[in-house]
């Protein structure tokens, strides 16, 4: 497990066994949001995004995903969010294969965000 330091907290970033993608937990993501240090991308479908989402998230649904046009914002970590994390993990792997760095999946997805008690926009 690697640890990096953020101004608000120490963030635990972990590589899942046998996988390239990095994940961050809900507490780490909240710290990054509080520090304005994250580009938050929701990779679910539009109808899921309209129902609920993490405040400040942008929609780039998996069905329309294209690494060539995926946003890159210098100085920000990119965190992908899906419902359980399967879609976000798959896309993090694709992005890292395309040379993206500082890209992560929310471990456990929105389900973990909800379970941790963090707010969602509806």
C-alpha atoms as a PDB file:
ATOM      1  CA  UNK A   1       0.000   0.000   0.000  1.00  0.00           C
ATOM      2  CA  UNK A   2       1.252   3.466  -0.863  1.00  0.00           C
ATOM      3  CA  UNK A   3       0.423   6.518   1.177  1.00  0.00           C
ATOM      4  CA  UNK A   4       0.525  10.085  -0.043  1.00  0.00           C
ATOM      5  CA  UNK A   5       0.046  13.253   1.935  1.00  0.00           C
ATOM      6  CA  UNK A   6      -2.613  15.851   1.301  1.00  0.00           C
ATOM      7  CA  UNK A   7      -2.958  19.141   3.164  1.00  0.00           C
ATOM      8  CA  UNK A   8      -6.076  17.958   5.025  1.00  0.00           C
ATOM      9  CA  UNK A   9      -5.200  14.348   5.699  1.00  0.00           C
ATOM     10  CA  UNK A  10      -3.022  11.401   4.905  1.00  0.00           C
ATOM     11  CA  UNK A  11      -4.647   9.568   2.035  1.00  0.00           C
ATOM     12  CA  UNK A  12      -4.526   5.811   1.795  1.00  0.00           C
ATOM     13  CA  UNK A  13      -4.219   4.793  -1.825  1.00  0.00           C
ATOM     14  CA  UNK A  14      -4.063   1.133  -2.563  1.00  0.00           C
ATOM     15  CA  UNK A  15      -3.410  -1.093  -5.513  1.00  0.00           C
ATOM     16  CA  UNK A  16      -5.840  -4.007  -5.595  1.00  0.00           C
ATOM     17  CA  UNK A  17      -4.241  -7.476  -5.787  1.00  0.00           C
ATOM     18  CA  UNK A  18      -3.610  -8.425  -9.396  1.00  0.00           C
ATOM     19  CA  UNK A  19      -4.857  -5.091 -10.740  1.00  0.00           C
ATOM     20  CA  UNK A  20      -3.175  -1.978 -12.066  1.00  0.00           C
ATOM     21  CA  UNK A  21      -5.809   0.597 -11.028  1.00  0.00           C
ATOM     22  CA  UNK A  22      -5.487   2.583  -7.872  1.00  0.00           C
ATOM     23  CA  UNK A  23      -8.421   3.101  -5.563  1.00  0.00           C
ATOM     24  CA  UNK A  24      -9.218   5.663  -2.897  1.00  0.00           C
ATOM     25  CA  UNK A  25     -11.678   5.270  -0.070  1.00  0.00           C
ATOM     26  CA  UNK A  26     -14.599   7.605   0.626  1.00  0.00           C
ATOM     27  CA  UNK A  27     -12.782   9.499   3.396  1.00  0.00           C
ATOM     28  CA  UNK A  28      -9.823  10.197   1.120  1.00  0.00           C
ATOM     29  CA  UNK A  29     -12.094  11.385  -1.661  1.00  0.00           C
ATOM     30  CA  UNK A  30     -13.920  13.697   0.749  1.00  0.00           C
ATOM     31  CA  UNK A  31     -10.576  15.171   1.877  1.00  0.00           C
ATOM     32  CA  UNK A  32      -9.592  15.777  -1.757  1.00  0.00           C
ATOM     33  CA  UNK A  33     -12.965  17.402  -2.450  1.00  0.00           C
ATOM     34  CA  UNK A  34     -12.538  19.611   0.628  1.00  0.00           C
ATOM     35  CA  UNK A  35      -9.077  20.623  -0.653  1.00  0.00           C
ATOM     36  CA  UNK A  36     -10.384  21.261  -4.216  1.00  0.00           C
ATOM     37  CA  UNK A  37      -7.755  18.754  -5.348  1.00  0.00           C
ATOM     38  CA  UNK A  38      -9.908  16.449  -7.464  1.00  0.00           C
ATOM     39  CA  UNK A  39     -11.682  16.190 -10.799  1.00  0.00           C
ATOM     40  CA  UNK A  40     -14.635  13.929 -10.032  1.00  0.00           C
ATOM     41  CA  UNK A  41     -16.006  11.920 -12.960  1.00  0.00           C
ATOM     42  CA  UNK A  42     -19.148   9.800 -12.664  1.00  0.00           C
ATOM     43  CA  UNK A  43     -19.032   6.974 -15.229  1.00  0.00           C
ATOM     44  CA  UNK A  44     -22.574   5.700 -14.728  1.00  0.00           C
ATOM     45  CA  UNK A  45     -25.331   6.224 -17.277  1.00  0.00           C
ATOM     46  CA  UNK A  46     -27.311   9.493 -17.477  1.00  0.00           C
ATOM     47  CA  UNK A  47     -30.432   8.091 -15.784  1.00  0.00           C
ATOM     48  CA  UNK A  48     -28.305   6.922 -12.819  1.00  0.00           C
ATOM     49  CA  UNK A  49     -26.501  10.265 -12.614  1.00  0.00           C
ATOM     50  CA  UNK A  50     -29.789  12.191 -12.660  1.00  0.00           C
ATOM     51  CA  UNK A  51     -31.109  10.139  -9.746  1.00  0.00           C
ATOM     52  CA  UNK A  52     -28.138  10.881  -7.439  1.00  0.00           C
ATOM     53  CA  UNK A  53     -24.476  11.862  -7.608  1.00  0.00           C
ATOM     54  CA  UNK A  54     -21.628  13.262  -5.539  1.00  0.00           C
ATOM     55  CA  UNK A  55     -21.766  17.059  -5.604  1.00  0.00           C
ATOM     56  CA  UNK A  56     -19.423  18.513  -8.211  1.00  0.00           C
ATOM     57  CA  UNK A  57     -19.178  15.338 -10.298  1.00  0.00           C
ATOM     58  CA  UNK A  58     -19.155  15.492 -14.089  1.00  0.00           C
ATOM     59  CA  UNK A  59     -20.823  12.772 -16.153  1.00  0.00           C
ATOM     60  CA  UNK A  60     -18.719  10.808 -18.644  1.00  0.00           C
ATOM     61  CA  UNK A  61     -20.746   7.620 -18.987  1.00  0.00           C
ATOM     62  CA  UNK A  62     -18.964   4.376 -19.697  1.00  0.00           C
ATOM     63  CA  UNK A  63     -21.091   3.801 -22.797  1.00  0.00           C
ATOM     64  CA  UNK A  64     -19.676   7.008 -24.328  1.00  0.00           C
ATOM     65  CA  UNK A  65     -16.181   6.723 -22.897  1.00  0.00           C
ATOM     66  CA  UNK A  66     -13.273   7.644 -25.166  1.00  0.00           C
ATOM     67  CA  UNK A  67      -9.771   7.920 -23.693  1.00  0.00           C
ATOM     68  CA  UNK A  68      -8.740  10.244 -26.536  1.00  0.00           C
ATOM     69  CA  UNK A  69     -11.240  12.903 -25.444  1.00  0.00           C
ATOM     70  CA  UNK A  70     -11.214  12.219 -21.716  1.00  0.00           C
ATOM     71  CA  UNK A  71     -10.499  15.410 -19.725  1.00  0.00           C
ATOM     72  CA  UNK A  72      -7.052  16.038 -18.298  1.00  0.00           C
ATOM     73  CA  UNK A  73      -6.704  18.799 -15.719  1.00  0.00           C
ATOM     74  CA  UNK A  74      -3.158  19.546 -14.601  1.00  0.00           C
ATOM     75  CA  UNK A  75      -2.736  19.700 -10.866  1.00  0.00           C
ATOM     76  CA  UNK A  76      -5.867  17.705 -10.042  1.00  0.00           C
ATOM     77  CA  UNK A  77      -6.263  14.031  -9.246  1.00  0.00           C
ATOM     78  CA  UNK A  78      -9.019  12.378 -11.261  1.00  0.00           C
ATOM     79  CA  UNK A  79     -11.401  10.055  -9.425  1.00  0.00           C
ATOM     80  CA  UNK A  80     -13.886   7.899 -11.318  1.00  0.00           C
ATOM     81  CA  UNK A  81     -17.107   6.849  -9.617  1.00  0.00           C
ATOM     82  CA  UNK A  82     -19.556   4.075 -10.461  1.00  0.00           C
ATOM     83  CA  UNK A  83     -22.237   2.364  -8.379  1.00  0.00           C
ATOM     84  CA  UNK A  84     -20.135  -0.511  -6.982  1.00  0.00           C
ATOM     85  CA  UNK A  85     -16.721   0.305  -8.559  1.00  0.00           C
ATOM     86  CA  UNK A  86     -16.552  -2.285 -11.372  1.00  0.00           C
ATOM     87  CA  UNK A  87     -17.029   0.269 -14.159  1.00  0.00           C
ATOM     88  CA  UNK A  88     -14.715   2.831 -12.613  1.00  0.00           C
ATOM     89  CA  UNK A  89     -11.971   0.243 -12.043  1.00  0.00           C
ATOM     90  CA  UNK A  90     -12.176  -0.894 -15.661  1.00  0.00           C
ATOM     91  CA  UNK A  91     -11.930   2.674 -16.933  1.00  0.00           C
ATOM     92  CA  UNK A  92      -9.067   3.587 -14.587  1.00  0.00           C
ATOM     93  CA  UNK A  93      -7.162   0.663 -16.036  1.00  0.00           C
ATOM     94  CA  UNK A  94      -7.893   1.830 -19.592  1.00  0.00           C
ATOM     95  CA  UNK A  95      -6.800   5.378 -18.760  1.00  0.00           C
ATOM     96  CA  UNK A  96      -3.554   4.258 -17.128  1.00  0.00           C
ATOM     97  CA  UNK A  97      -2.867   2.119 -20.214  1.00  0.00           C
ATOM     98  CA  UNK A  98      -3.299   5.338 -22.235  1.00  0.00           C
ATOM     99  CA  UNK A  99      -0.721   7.160 -20.117  1.00  0.00           C
ATOM    100  CA  UNK A 100      -2.948   8.946 -17.611  1.00  0.00           C
ATOM    101  CA  UNK A 101      -1.485   9.420 -14.151  1.00  0.00           C
ATOM    102  CA  UNK A 102      -3.135  10.475 -10.913  1.00  0.00           C
ATOM    103  CA  UNK A 103      -6.339   8.641 -11.869  1.00  0.00           C
ATOM    104  CA  UNK A 104      -8.215   6.601  -9.262  1.00  0.00           C
ATOM    105  CA  UNK A 105     -11.455   4.709  -8.676  1.00  0.00           C
ATOM    106  CA  UNK A 106     -13.628   5.272  -5.613  1.00  0.00           C
ATOM    107  CA  UNK A 107     -13.317   1.963  -3.780  1.00  0.00           C
ATOM    108  CA  UNK A 108     -16.777   0.457  -3.384  1.00  0.00           C
ATOM    109  CA  UNK A 109     -18.299   3.197  -5.548  1.00  0.00           C
ATOM    110  CA  UNK A 110     -21.362   5.188  -4.561  1.00  0.00           C
ATOM    111  CA  UNK A 111     -22.497   2.304  -2.378  1.00  0.00           C
ATOM    112  CA  UNK A 112     -19.410   2.830  -0.175  1.00  0.00           C
ATOM    113  CA  UNK A 113     -19.911   6.621  -0.271  1.00  0.00           C
ATOM    114  CA  UNK A 114     -23.496   6.167   0.975  1.00  0.00           C
ATOM    115  CA  UNK A 115     -22.448   3.634   3.623  1.00  0.00           C
ATOM    116  CA  UNK A 116     -19.822   6.084   4.930  1.00  0.00           C
ATOM    117  CA  UNK A 117     -22.597   8.641   5.446  1.00  0.00           C
ATOM    118  CA  UNK A 118     -21.480  11.213   2.888  1.00  0.00           C
ATOM    119  CA  UNK A 119     -24.077  13.356   1.133  1.00  0.00           C
ATOM    120  CA  UNK A 120     -25.346  12.911  -2.397  1.00  0.00           C
ATOM    121  CA  UNK A 121     -27.035  15.429  -4.668  1.00  0.00           C
ATOM    122  CA  UNK A 122     -30.422  14.267  -5.882  1.00  0.00           C
END
